[in-house]
N, C-alpha and C. Protein backbone atom coordinates (compact mmCIF):
# COMPACT_ATOMS: atom_id res chain seq x y z
N UNK A 1 -59.10 -29.55 20.85
CA UNK A 1 -59.60 -29.53 19.48
C UNK A 1 -58.82 -30.54 18.65
N UNK A 2 -59.49 -31.18 17.74
CA UNK A 2 -58.85 -32.17 16.88
C UNK A 2 -58.02 -31.49 15.80
N UNK A 3 -57.16 -32.27 15.23
CA UNK A 3 -56.34 -31.76 14.13
C UNK A 3 -57.18 -31.69 12.87
N UNK A 4 -56.93 -30.66 12.05
CA UNK A 4 -57.61 -30.50 10.78
C UNK A 4 -56.58 -30.54 9.66
N UNK A 5 -56.96 -31.14 8.56
CA UNK A 5 -56.13 -31.13 7.37
C UNK A 5 -56.89 -30.35 6.31
N UNK A 6 -56.35 -29.19 5.93
CA UNK A 6 -57.00 -28.32 4.96
C UNK A 6 -56.25 -28.43 3.64
N UNK A 7 -56.98 -28.73 2.57
CA UNK A 7 -56.38 -28.90 1.24
C UNK A 7 -57.01 -27.91 0.28
N UNK A 8 -56.18 -27.20 -0.48
CA UNK A 8 -56.63 -26.28 -1.51
C UNK A 8 -55.85 -26.64 -2.76
N UNK A 9 -56.58 -26.96 -3.84
CA UNK A 9 -55.89 -27.40 -5.05
C UNK A 9 -56.42 -26.66 -6.26
N UNK A 10 -55.48 -26.19 -7.09
CA UNK A 10 -55.81 -25.61 -8.39
C UNK A 10 -55.17 -26.50 -9.44
N UNK A 11 -55.30 -26.12 -10.71
CA UNK A 11 -54.71 -26.96 -11.76
C UNK A 11 -53.19 -26.95 -11.74
N UNK A 12 -52.56 -25.94 -11.12
CA UNK A 12 -51.10 -25.88 -11.14
C UNK A 12 -50.46 -25.91 -9.75
N UNK A 13 -51.28 -25.93 -8.68
CA UNK A 13 -50.69 -25.86 -7.35
C UNK A 13 -51.59 -26.55 -6.33
N UNK A 14 -50.96 -27.24 -5.38
CA UNK A 14 -51.68 -27.85 -4.26
C UNK A 14 -51.13 -27.27 -2.97
N UNK A 15 -52.03 -26.87 -2.06
CA UNK A 15 -51.61 -26.34 -0.76
C UNK A 15 -52.28 -27.18 0.32
N UNK A 16 -51.50 -27.64 1.27
CA UNK A 16 -52.01 -28.48 2.35
C UNK A 16 -51.52 -27.91 3.67
N UNK A 17 -52.45 -27.75 4.63
CA UNK A 17 -52.08 -27.24 5.95
C UNK A 17 -52.62 -28.20 7.01
N UNK A 18 -51.80 -28.47 8.02
CA UNK A 18 -52.21 -29.26 9.17
C UNK A 18 -52.41 -28.27 10.31
N UNK A 19 -53.64 -28.19 10.84
CA UNK A 19 -53.99 -27.19 11.85
C UNK A 19 -54.45 -27.89 13.13
N UNK A 20 -53.94 -27.40 14.27
CA UNK A 20 -54.38 -27.90 15.57
C UNK A 20 -54.56 -26.71 16.50
N UNK A 21 -55.72 -26.61 17.11
CA UNK A 21 -56.06 -25.51 18.02
C UNK A 21 -55.84 -24.15 17.36
N UNK A 22 -56.19 -24.04 16.10
CA UNK A 22 -56.07 -22.77 15.38
C UNK A 22 -54.65 -22.42 14.97
N UNK A 23 -53.69 -23.28 15.24
CA UNK A 23 -52.29 -23.05 14.89
C UNK A 23 -51.88 -23.95 13.74
N UNK A 24 -51.15 -23.39 12.79
CA UNK A 24 -50.65 -24.18 11.67
C UNK A 24 -49.43 -24.97 12.13
N UNK A 25 -49.54 -26.29 12.11
CA UNK A 25 -48.42 -27.15 12.50
C UNK A 25 -47.50 -27.43 11.32
N UNK A 26 -48.09 -27.59 10.13
CA UNK A 26 -47.31 -27.91 8.94
C UNK A 26 -48.00 -27.32 7.73
N UNK A 27 -47.22 -26.86 6.77
CA UNK A 27 -47.76 -26.26 5.56
C UNK A 27 -46.91 -26.71 4.38
N UNK A 28 -47.55 -27.18 3.32
CA UNK A 28 -46.84 -27.68 2.16
C UNK A 28 -47.45 -27.10 0.90
N UNK A 29 -46.60 -26.63 0.00
CA UNK A 29 -47.04 -26.16 -1.32
C UNK A 29 -46.33 -27.01 -2.35
N UNK A 30 -47.09 -27.53 -3.29
CA UNK A 30 -46.50 -28.29 -4.39
C UNK A 30 -47.00 -27.68 -5.69
N UNK A 31 -46.07 -27.28 -6.53
CA UNK A 31 -46.42 -26.66 -7.80
C UNK A 31 -46.18 -27.64 -8.94
N UNK A 32 -47.11 -27.70 -9.86
CA UNK A 32 -46.98 -28.55 -11.03
C UNK A 32 -46.53 -27.69 -12.20
N UNK A 33 -45.56 -28.14 -12.94
CA UNK A 33 -45.10 -27.42 -14.11
C UNK A 33 -45.96 -27.82 -15.29
N UNK A 34 -46.64 -26.83 -15.89
CA UNK A 34 -47.51 -27.13 -17.02
C UNK A 34 -46.73 -27.26 -18.32
N UNK A 35 -45.70 -26.43 -18.49
CA UNK A 35 -44.96 -26.40 -19.74
C UNK A 35 -43.86 -27.46 -19.78
N UNK A 36 -43.15 -27.60 -18.67
CA UNK A 36 -41.97 -28.46 -18.66
C UNK A 36 -42.11 -29.49 -17.55
N UNK A 37 -42.45 -30.69 -17.87
CA UNK A 37 -42.63 -31.74 -16.87
C UNK A 37 -41.32 -32.15 -16.20
N UNK A 38 -40.18 -31.78 -16.81
CA UNK A 38 -38.90 -32.13 -16.21
C UNK A 38 -38.32 -30.95 -15.44
N UNK A 39 -39.17 -30.10 -14.88
CA UNK A 39 -38.72 -28.95 -14.11
C UNK A 39 -37.94 -29.43 -12.88
N UNK A 40 -36.95 -28.66 -12.46
CA UNK A 40 -36.15 -29.08 -11.31
C UNK A 40 -36.99 -29.15 -10.03
N UNK A 41 -36.72 -30.15 -9.23
CA UNK A 41 -37.45 -30.37 -7.98
C UNK A 41 -36.53 -29.99 -6.83
N UNK A 42 -37.11 -29.38 -5.79
CA UNK A 42 -36.33 -29.00 -4.62
C UNK A 42 -35.61 -30.22 -4.07
N UNK A 43 -34.32 -30.07 -3.84
CA UNK A 43 -33.50 -31.18 -3.32
C UNK A 43 -32.67 -31.85 -4.39
N UNK A 44 -33.05 -31.73 -5.67
CA UNK A 44 -32.26 -32.33 -6.74
C UNK A 44 -30.88 -31.68 -6.80
N UNK A 45 -29.88 -32.48 -7.16
CA UNK A 45 -28.50 -32.00 -7.23
C UNK A 45 -28.05 -32.04 -8.69
N UNK A 46 -27.42 -30.94 -9.14
CA UNK A 46 -26.99 -30.81 -10.53
C UNK A 46 -25.53 -30.38 -10.60
N UNK A 47 -24.87 -30.79 -11.67
CA UNK A 47 -23.57 -30.22 -12.01
C UNK A 47 -23.87 -29.10 -12.98
N UNK A 48 -23.57 -27.88 -12.57
CA UNK A 48 -23.90 -26.71 -13.38
C UNK A 48 -22.66 -25.97 -13.83
N UNK A 49 -22.87 -25.08 -14.79
CA UNK A 49 -21.79 -24.23 -15.30
C UNK A 49 -22.18 -22.77 -15.06
N UNK A 50 -21.26 -22.00 -14.52
CA UNK A 50 -21.51 -20.59 -14.24
C UNK A 50 -21.63 -19.85 -15.57
N UNK A 51 -22.81 -19.26 -15.80
CA UNK A 51 -23.04 -18.50 -17.03
C UNK A 51 -22.59 -17.06 -16.88
N UNK A 52 -22.95 -16.47 -15.74
CA UNK A 52 -22.67 -15.06 -15.54
C UNK A 52 -22.54 -14.77 -14.05
N UNK A 53 -21.52 -13.99 -13.70
CA UNK A 53 -21.32 -13.54 -12.32
C UNK A 53 -21.68 -12.06 -12.28
N UNK A 54 -22.55 -11.69 -11.34
CA UNK A 54 -22.99 -10.30 -11.21
C UNK A 54 -22.45 -9.70 -9.92
N UNK A 55 -21.30 -9.02 -9.97
CA UNK A 55 -20.70 -8.47 -8.76
C UNK A 55 -21.59 -7.46 -8.05
N UNK A 56 -22.37 -6.68 -8.79
CA UNK A 56 -23.24 -5.68 -8.18
C UNK A 56 -24.34 -6.29 -7.33
N UNK A 57 -24.84 -7.43 -7.75
CA UNK A 57 -25.89 -8.13 -7.00
C UNK A 57 -25.32 -9.20 -6.08
N UNK A 58 -24.01 -9.44 -6.16
CA UNK A 58 -23.35 -10.52 -5.41
C UNK A 58 -24.08 -11.84 -5.64
N UNK A 59 -24.27 -12.16 -6.92
CA UNK A 59 -24.96 -13.38 -7.30
C UNK A 59 -24.43 -13.89 -8.63
N UNK A 60 -24.92 -15.05 -9.03
CA UNK A 60 -24.51 -15.64 -10.30
C UNK A 60 -25.68 -16.42 -10.88
N UNK A 61 -25.63 -16.61 -12.21
CA UNK A 61 -26.60 -17.45 -12.88
C UNK A 61 -25.89 -18.71 -13.34
N UNK A 62 -26.53 -19.86 -13.08
CA UNK A 62 -25.93 -21.16 -13.31
C UNK A 62 -26.77 -21.94 -14.32
N UNK A 63 -26.12 -22.50 -15.33
CA UNK A 63 -26.81 -23.36 -16.30
C UNK A 63 -26.84 -24.77 -15.73
N UNK A 64 -28.06 -25.28 -15.46
CA UNK A 64 -28.20 -26.63 -14.94
C UNK A 64 -28.92 -27.53 -15.94
N UNK A 65 -29.00 -27.07 -17.19
CA UNK A 65 -29.62 -27.89 -18.23
C UNK A 65 -31.12 -27.75 -18.30
N UNK A 66 -31.68 -26.76 -17.65
CA UNK A 66 -33.11 -26.52 -17.69
C UNK A 66 -33.42 -25.34 -18.59
N UNK A 67 -34.70 -25.04 -18.74
CA UNK A 67 -35.15 -23.96 -19.62
C UNK A 67 -34.57 -22.61 -19.19
N UNK A 68 -34.54 -22.35 -17.89
CA UNK A 68 -34.04 -21.08 -17.36
C UNK A 68 -32.83 -21.33 -16.47
N UNK A 69 -31.94 -20.35 -16.45
CA UNK A 69 -30.75 -20.45 -15.61
C UNK A 69 -31.14 -20.34 -14.14
N UNK A 70 -30.40 -21.02 -13.28
CA UNK A 70 -30.65 -21.00 -11.85
C UNK A 70 -29.94 -19.80 -11.23
N UNK A 71 -30.50 -19.30 -10.12
CA UNK A 71 -29.96 -18.14 -9.42
C UNK A 71 -29.18 -18.60 -8.18
N UNK A 72 -27.98 -18.09 -8.01
CA UNK A 72 -27.12 -18.45 -6.88
C UNK A 72 -26.65 -17.18 -6.19
N UNK A 73 -27.04 -16.98 -4.93
CA UNK A 73 -26.64 -15.82 -4.16
C UNK A 73 -25.32 -16.11 -3.43
N UNK A 74 -24.57 -15.06 -3.12
CA UNK A 74 -23.23 -15.22 -2.54
C UNK A 74 -23.25 -16.06 -1.25
N UNK A 75 -24.24 -15.86 -0.38
CA UNK A 75 -24.28 -16.63 0.87
C UNK A 75 -24.52 -18.11 0.61
N UNK A 76 -25.20 -18.44 -0.49
CA UNK A 76 -25.42 -19.83 -0.86
C UNK A 76 -24.26 -20.39 -1.67
N UNK A 77 -23.41 -19.51 -2.19
CA UNK A 77 -22.30 -19.93 -3.05
C UNK A 77 -21.01 -20.13 -2.27
N UNK A 78 -20.83 -19.37 -1.20
CA UNK A 78 -19.56 -19.42 -0.47
C UNK A 78 -19.49 -20.65 0.43
N UNK A 79 -18.41 -21.42 0.28
CA UNK A 79 -18.18 -22.61 1.11
C UNK A 79 -17.05 -22.30 2.09
N UNK A 80 -17.39 -22.05 3.36
CA UNK A 80 -16.36 -21.70 4.33
C UNK A 80 -15.43 -22.88 4.64
N UNK A 81 -14.16 -22.55 4.90
CA UNK A 81 -13.21 -23.59 5.31
C UNK A 81 -13.53 -24.01 6.75
N UNK A 82 -12.91 -25.10 7.21
CA UNK A 82 -13.14 -25.57 8.58
C UNK A 82 -12.76 -24.49 9.60
N UNK A 83 -11.64 -23.78 9.35
CA UNK A 83 -11.22 -22.73 10.27
C UNK A 83 -12.24 -21.60 10.31
N UNK A 84 -12.76 -21.22 9.13
CA UNK A 84 -13.77 -20.17 9.07
C UNK A 84 -15.07 -20.61 9.75
N UNK A 85 -15.41 -21.88 9.62
CA UNK A 85 -16.61 -22.40 10.28
C UNK A 85 -16.47 -22.30 11.79
N UNK A 86 -15.29 -22.66 12.29
CA UNK A 86 -15.06 -22.58 13.75
C UNK A 86 -15.11 -21.14 14.23
N UNK A 87 -14.55 -20.24 13.44
CA UNK A 87 -14.58 -18.82 13.80
C UNK A 87 -16.01 -18.28 13.79
N UNK A 88 -16.80 -18.68 12.77
CA UNK A 88 -18.19 -18.25 12.70
C UNK A 88 -18.98 -18.78 13.90
N UNK A 89 -18.75 -20.03 14.26
CA UNK A 89 -19.45 -20.62 15.40
C UNK A 89 -19.09 -19.92 16.70
N UNK A 90 -17.81 -19.56 16.86
CA UNK A 90 -17.42 -18.87 18.08
C UNK A 90 -18.00 -17.46 18.13
N UNK A 91 -18.10 -16.80 16.98
CA UNK A 91 -18.73 -15.47 16.94
C UNK A 91 -20.21 -15.56 17.31
N UNK A 92 -20.88 -16.59 16.82
CA UNK A 92 -22.29 -16.77 17.13
C UNK A 92 -22.45 -17.01 18.62
N UNK A 93 -21.59 -17.85 19.21
CA UNK A 93 -21.67 -18.17 20.64
C UNK A 93 -21.42 -16.94 21.51
N UNK A 94 -20.51 -16.07 21.09
CA UNK A 94 -20.16 -14.91 21.91
C UNK A 94 -21.10 -13.73 21.71
N UNK A 95 -21.91 -13.75 20.67
CA UNK A 95 -22.85 -12.66 20.42
C UNK A 95 -24.14 -12.92 21.18
N UNK A 96 -24.37 -12.16 22.21
CA UNK A 96 -25.57 -12.33 23.02
C UNK A 96 -26.64 -11.28 22.68
N UNK A 97 -26.31 -10.33 21.81
CA UNK A 97 -27.25 -9.26 21.50
C UNK A 97 -28.44 -9.74 20.68
N UNK A 98 -28.24 -10.74 19.84
CA UNK A 98 -29.33 -11.26 18.99
C UNK A 98 -30.20 -12.23 19.75
N UNK A 99 -31.50 -12.12 19.57
CA UNK A 99 -32.43 -13.02 20.24
C UNK A 99 -32.41 -14.40 19.58
N UNK A 100 -32.10 -14.42 18.31
CA UNK A 100 -32.09 -15.68 17.56
C UNK A 100 -30.71 -16.30 17.63
N UNK A 101 -30.62 -17.51 18.11
CA UNK A 101 -29.35 -18.21 18.21
C UNK A 101 -29.40 -19.49 17.41
N UNK A 102 -28.23 -19.93 16.95
CA UNK A 102 -28.12 -21.18 16.23
C UNK A 102 -28.59 -22.31 17.13
N UNK A 103 -29.40 -23.18 16.62
CA UNK A 103 -29.93 -24.28 17.42
C UNK A 103 -31.35 -24.03 17.88
N UNK A 104 -31.78 -22.76 17.96
CA UNK A 104 -33.14 -22.44 18.34
C UNK A 104 -34.06 -22.45 17.12
N UNK A 105 -33.48 -22.41 15.94
CA UNK A 105 -34.25 -22.41 14.71
C UNK A 105 -34.38 -23.84 14.23
N UNK A 106 -35.59 -24.27 13.94
CA UNK A 106 -35.79 -25.61 13.40
C UNK A 106 -36.24 -25.42 11.95
N UNK A 107 -35.32 -25.55 11.01
CA UNK A 107 -35.66 -25.32 9.60
C UNK A 107 -36.43 -26.50 9.03
N UNK A 108 -37.12 -26.24 7.92
CA UNK A 108 -37.79 -27.32 7.22
C UNK A 108 -36.94 -27.76 6.04
N UNK A 109 -37.46 -28.72 5.27
CA UNK A 109 -36.65 -29.26 4.18
C UNK A 109 -36.46 -28.28 3.04
N UNK A 110 -37.16 -27.13 3.06
CA UNK A 110 -36.99 -26.14 2.00
C UNK A 110 -35.99 -25.05 2.39
N UNK A 111 -35.46 -25.09 3.60
CA UNK A 111 -34.52 -24.08 4.06
C UNK A 111 -33.15 -24.27 3.41
N UNK A 112 -32.46 -23.16 3.25
CA UNK A 112 -31.08 -23.22 2.78
C UNK A 112 -30.18 -22.88 3.95
N UNK A 113 -28.88 -23.06 3.79
CA UNK A 113 -27.95 -22.76 4.88
C UNK A 113 -28.08 -21.31 5.31
N UNK A 114 -28.29 -20.38 4.37
CA UNK A 114 -28.37 -18.97 4.72
C UNK A 114 -29.61 -18.64 5.53
N UNK A 115 -30.64 -19.47 5.46
CA UNK A 115 -31.83 -19.22 6.26
C UNK A 115 -31.69 -19.80 7.67
N UNK A 116 -30.78 -20.73 7.88
CA UNK A 116 -30.66 -21.39 9.17
C UNK A 116 -29.42 -20.97 9.94
N UNK A 117 -28.47 -20.38 9.27
CA UNK A 117 -27.24 -19.93 9.91
C UNK A 117 -27.08 -18.45 9.62
N UNK A 118 -26.73 -17.68 10.61
CA UNK A 118 -26.56 -16.24 10.42
C UNK A 118 -25.28 -16.00 9.65
N UNK A 119 -25.39 -15.80 8.34
CA UNK A 119 -24.21 -15.69 7.47
C UNK A 119 -23.51 -14.33 7.61
N UNK A 120 -24.02 -13.44 8.48
CA UNK A 120 -23.30 -12.18 8.68
C UNK A 120 -21.96 -12.42 9.37
N UNK A 121 -21.79 -13.62 9.94
CA UNK A 121 -20.53 -13.95 10.60
C UNK A 121 -19.51 -14.55 9.64
N UNK A 122 -19.87 -14.72 8.38
CA UNK A 122 -18.91 -15.26 7.42
C UNK A 122 -17.89 -14.19 7.07
N UNK A 123 -16.73 -14.59 6.59
CA UNK A 123 -15.74 -13.60 6.16
C UNK A 123 -16.31 -12.76 5.01
N UNK A 124 -15.88 -11.52 4.94
CA UNK A 124 -16.36 -10.62 3.89
C UNK A 124 -15.66 -10.97 2.58
N UNK A 125 -16.32 -11.80 1.78
CA UNK A 125 -15.77 -12.21 0.49
C UNK A 125 -16.74 -11.81 -0.61
N UNK A 126 -16.20 -11.55 -1.77
CA UNK A 126 -17.00 -11.16 -2.93
C UNK A 126 -17.17 -12.39 -3.82
N UNK A 127 -18.31 -12.51 -4.47
CA UNK A 127 -18.60 -13.67 -5.30
C UNK A 127 -17.62 -13.79 -6.46
N UNK A 128 -17.17 -12.66 -6.98
CA UNK A 128 -16.23 -12.70 -8.12
C UNK A 128 -14.84 -13.20 -7.69
N UNK A 129 -14.57 -13.27 -6.39
CA UNK A 129 -13.28 -13.77 -5.91
C UNK A 129 -13.19 -15.30 -5.96
N UNK A 130 -14.33 -15.99 -5.91
CA UNK A 130 -14.26 -17.45 -5.90
C UNK A 130 -15.10 -18.12 -6.99
N UNK A 131 -15.86 -17.36 -7.78
CA UNK A 131 -16.60 -17.92 -8.91
C UNK A 131 -16.28 -17.15 -10.18
N UNK A 132 -16.02 -17.88 -11.24
CA UNK A 132 -15.72 -17.27 -12.55
C UNK A 132 -16.66 -17.87 -13.59
N UNK A 133 -16.94 -17.12 -14.64
CA UNK A 133 -17.77 -17.63 -15.72
C UNK A 133 -17.09 -18.86 -16.33
N UNK A 134 -17.88 -19.91 -16.56
CA UNK A 134 -17.36 -21.15 -17.12
C UNK A 134 -17.01 -22.19 -16.07
N UNK A 135 -16.91 -21.81 -14.80
CA UNK A 135 -16.62 -22.78 -13.73
C UNK A 135 -17.74 -23.81 -13.65
N UNK A 136 -17.38 -25.07 -13.38
CA UNK A 136 -18.36 -26.11 -13.12
C UNK A 136 -18.49 -26.28 -11.62
N UNK A 137 -19.73 -26.24 -11.13
CA UNK A 137 -19.98 -26.38 -9.69
C UNK A 137 -21.17 -27.30 -9.46
N UNK A 138 -21.20 -27.93 -8.30
CA UNK A 138 -22.32 -28.79 -7.92
C UNK A 138 -23.27 -27.94 -7.09
N UNK A 139 -24.55 -27.96 -7.47
CA UNK A 139 -25.56 -27.17 -6.77
C UNK A 139 -26.77 -28.03 -6.46
N UNK A 140 -27.55 -27.59 -5.48
CA UNK A 140 -28.78 -28.26 -5.10
C UNK A 140 -29.92 -27.25 -5.21
N UNK A 141 -31.06 -27.68 -5.73
CA UNK A 141 -32.21 -26.79 -5.87
C UNK A 141 -32.75 -26.46 -4.47
N UNK A 142 -32.83 -25.16 -4.16
CA UNK A 142 -33.35 -24.71 -2.87
C UNK A 142 -34.80 -24.25 -3.00
N UNK A 143 -35.13 -23.63 -4.13
CA UNK A 143 -36.51 -23.17 -4.38
C UNK A 143 -36.85 -23.43 -5.83
N UNK A 144 -38.06 -23.87 -6.07
CA UNK A 144 -38.51 -24.18 -7.42
C UNK A 144 -38.66 -22.91 -8.26
N UNK A 145 -38.60 -23.03 -9.59
CA UNK A 145 -38.82 -21.86 -10.44
C UNK A 145 -40.26 -21.37 -10.32
N UNK A 146 -40.40 -20.05 -10.36
CA UNK A 146 -41.72 -19.43 -10.27
C UNK A 146 -41.84 -18.43 -11.41
N UNK A 147 -42.95 -18.47 -12.12
CA UNK A 147 -43.26 -17.52 -13.19
C UNK A 147 -42.13 -17.49 -14.22
N UNK A 148 -41.47 -16.33 -14.37
CA UNK A 148 -40.41 -16.20 -15.37
C UNK A 148 -39.03 -16.41 -14.78
N UNK A 149 -38.96 -16.66 -13.48
CA UNK A 149 -37.66 -16.82 -12.81
C UNK A 149 -37.26 -18.28 -12.76
N UNK A 150 -35.96 -18.52 -12.82
CA UNK A 150 -35.43 -19.86 -12.69
C UNK A 150 -35.37 -20.28 -11.23
N UNK A 151 -34.94 -21.49 -10.96
CA UNK A 151 -34.86 -21.97 -9.58
C UNK A 151 -33.72 -21.29 -8.82
N UNK A 152 -33.85 -21.25 -7.50
CA UNK A 152 -32.76 -20.77 -6.65
C UNK A 152 -31.98 -22.00 -6.21
N UNK A 153 -30.65 -21.89 -6.27
CA UNK A 153 -29.80 -23.02 -5.93
C UNK A 153 -28.83 -22.65 -4.82
N UNK A 154 -28.24 -23.67 -4.22
CA UNK A 154 -27.24 -23.48 -3.18
C UNK A 154 -26.10 -24.47 -3.41
N UNK A 155 -24.90 -24.11 -2.95
CA UNK A 155 -23.76 -25.03 -2.99
C UNK A 155 -23.64 -25.79 -1.68
N UNK A 156 -24.48 -25.47 -0.70
CA UNK A 156 -24.48 -26.16 0.59
C UNK A 156 -25.37 -27.39 0.45
N UNK A 157 -24.79 -28.45 -0.06
CA UNK A 157 -25.52 -29.67 -0.37
C UNK A 157 -25.94 -30.37 0.92
N UNK A 158 -27.22 -30.73 0.98
CA UNK A 158 -27.75 -31.44 2.14
C UNK A 158 -28.20 -32.81 1.66
N UNK A 159 -27.73 -33.88 2.29
CA UNK A 159 -28.12 -35.23 1.87
C UNK A 159 -29.64 -35.43 1.98
N UNK A 160 -30.20 -36.38 1.25
CA UNK A 160 -31.64 -36.65 1.36
C UNK A 160 -32.01 -37.02 2.79
N UNK A 161 -33.19 -36.62 3.20
CA UNK A 161 -33.74 -36.90 4.52
C UNK A 161 -32.99 -36.19 5.64
N UNK A 162 -32.19 -35.21 5.32
CA UNK A 162 -31.47 -34.46 6.34
C UNK A 162 -32.17 -33.11 6.48
N UNK A 163 -32.75 -32.86 7.65
CA UNK A 163 -33.49 -31.62 7.85
C UNK A 163 -32.59 -30.43 8.12
N UNK A 164 -31.48 -30.65 8.78
CA UNK A 164 -30.68 -29.52 9.24
C UNK A 164 -29.20 -29.89 9.18
N UNK A 165 -28.50 -29.34 8.23
CA UNK A 165 -27.07 -29.60 8.12
C UNK A 165 -26.31 -28.44 8.74
N UNK A 166 -25.52 -28.72 9.74
CA UNK A 166 -24.77 -27.67 10.43
C UNK A 166 -23.49 -27.43 9.67
N UNK A 167 -23.38 -26.25 9.06
CA UNK A 167 -22.23 -25.87 8.24
C UNK A 167 -21.85 -27.02 7.32
N UNK A 168 -20.58 -27.33 7.28
CA UNK A 168 -20.09 -28.43 6.45
C UNK A 168 -19.44 -29.49 7.32
N UNK A 169 -19.72 -29.48 8.61
CA UNK A 169 -19.08 -30.41 9.53
C UNK A 169 -19.74 -31.79 9.50
N UNK A 170 -20.63 -32.02 8.55
CA UNK A 170 -21.28 -33.30 8.31
C UNK A 170 -22.11 -33.78 9.50
N UNK A 171 -22.72 -32.85 10.21
CA UNK A 171 -23.67 -33.21 11.25
C UNK A 171 -25.05 -32.85 10.73
N UNK A 172 -26.02 -33.71 10.99
CA UNK A 172 -27.38 -33.36 10.58
C UNK A 172 -28.38 -34.08 11.44
N UNK A 173 -29.58 -33.50 11.51
CA UNK A 173 -30.69 -34.12 12.19
C UNK A 173 -31.45 -34.89 11.12
N UNK A 174 -31.61 -36.17 11.30
CA UNK A 174 -32.19 -37.01 10.28
C UNK A 174 -33.72 -37.02 10.36
N UNK A 175 -34.35 -37.02 9.21
CA UNK A 175 -35.80 -37.08 9.09
C UNK A 175 -36.23 -38.53 9.21
N UNK A 176 -37.30 -38.80 9.93
CA UNK A 176 -37.80 -40.17 10.11
C UNK A 176 -38.41 -40.69 8.85
């Protein structure tokens, strides 16, 4: 069967799917901001200021100069040291109980580190231990704002055209 390109477009959103033999090979959603044309785009990098740390939710809200504050979850906020990265990698290698292993997942450009690496192997740290209100941090947009919510951000910065950044060891699979 030939490949099909299916396009569905509304005034605020475009959806495109590439289908072959009844299987979706690629899917893309692009949302247009009607109110704010300067809305943050996935992949953009900002210097933000921590507005509020929420220990109960293990998250924080970051001011990136947009209409709404960005949301930062603890797994996206914590930057492991080289020693912690090596320990996490060895734990992943020695754990055979999980069917999903690092390297078997091929993330897309919208994935964050927490979606591609099993962060349950990170040290048990609380967000309030390493982030304080008023701190300036560099973040990258991981998900665009939807409805009344601001964008989701991550501190695990991935260079442009890099599909998969392995921890912070500066290894990545490059996009053609």
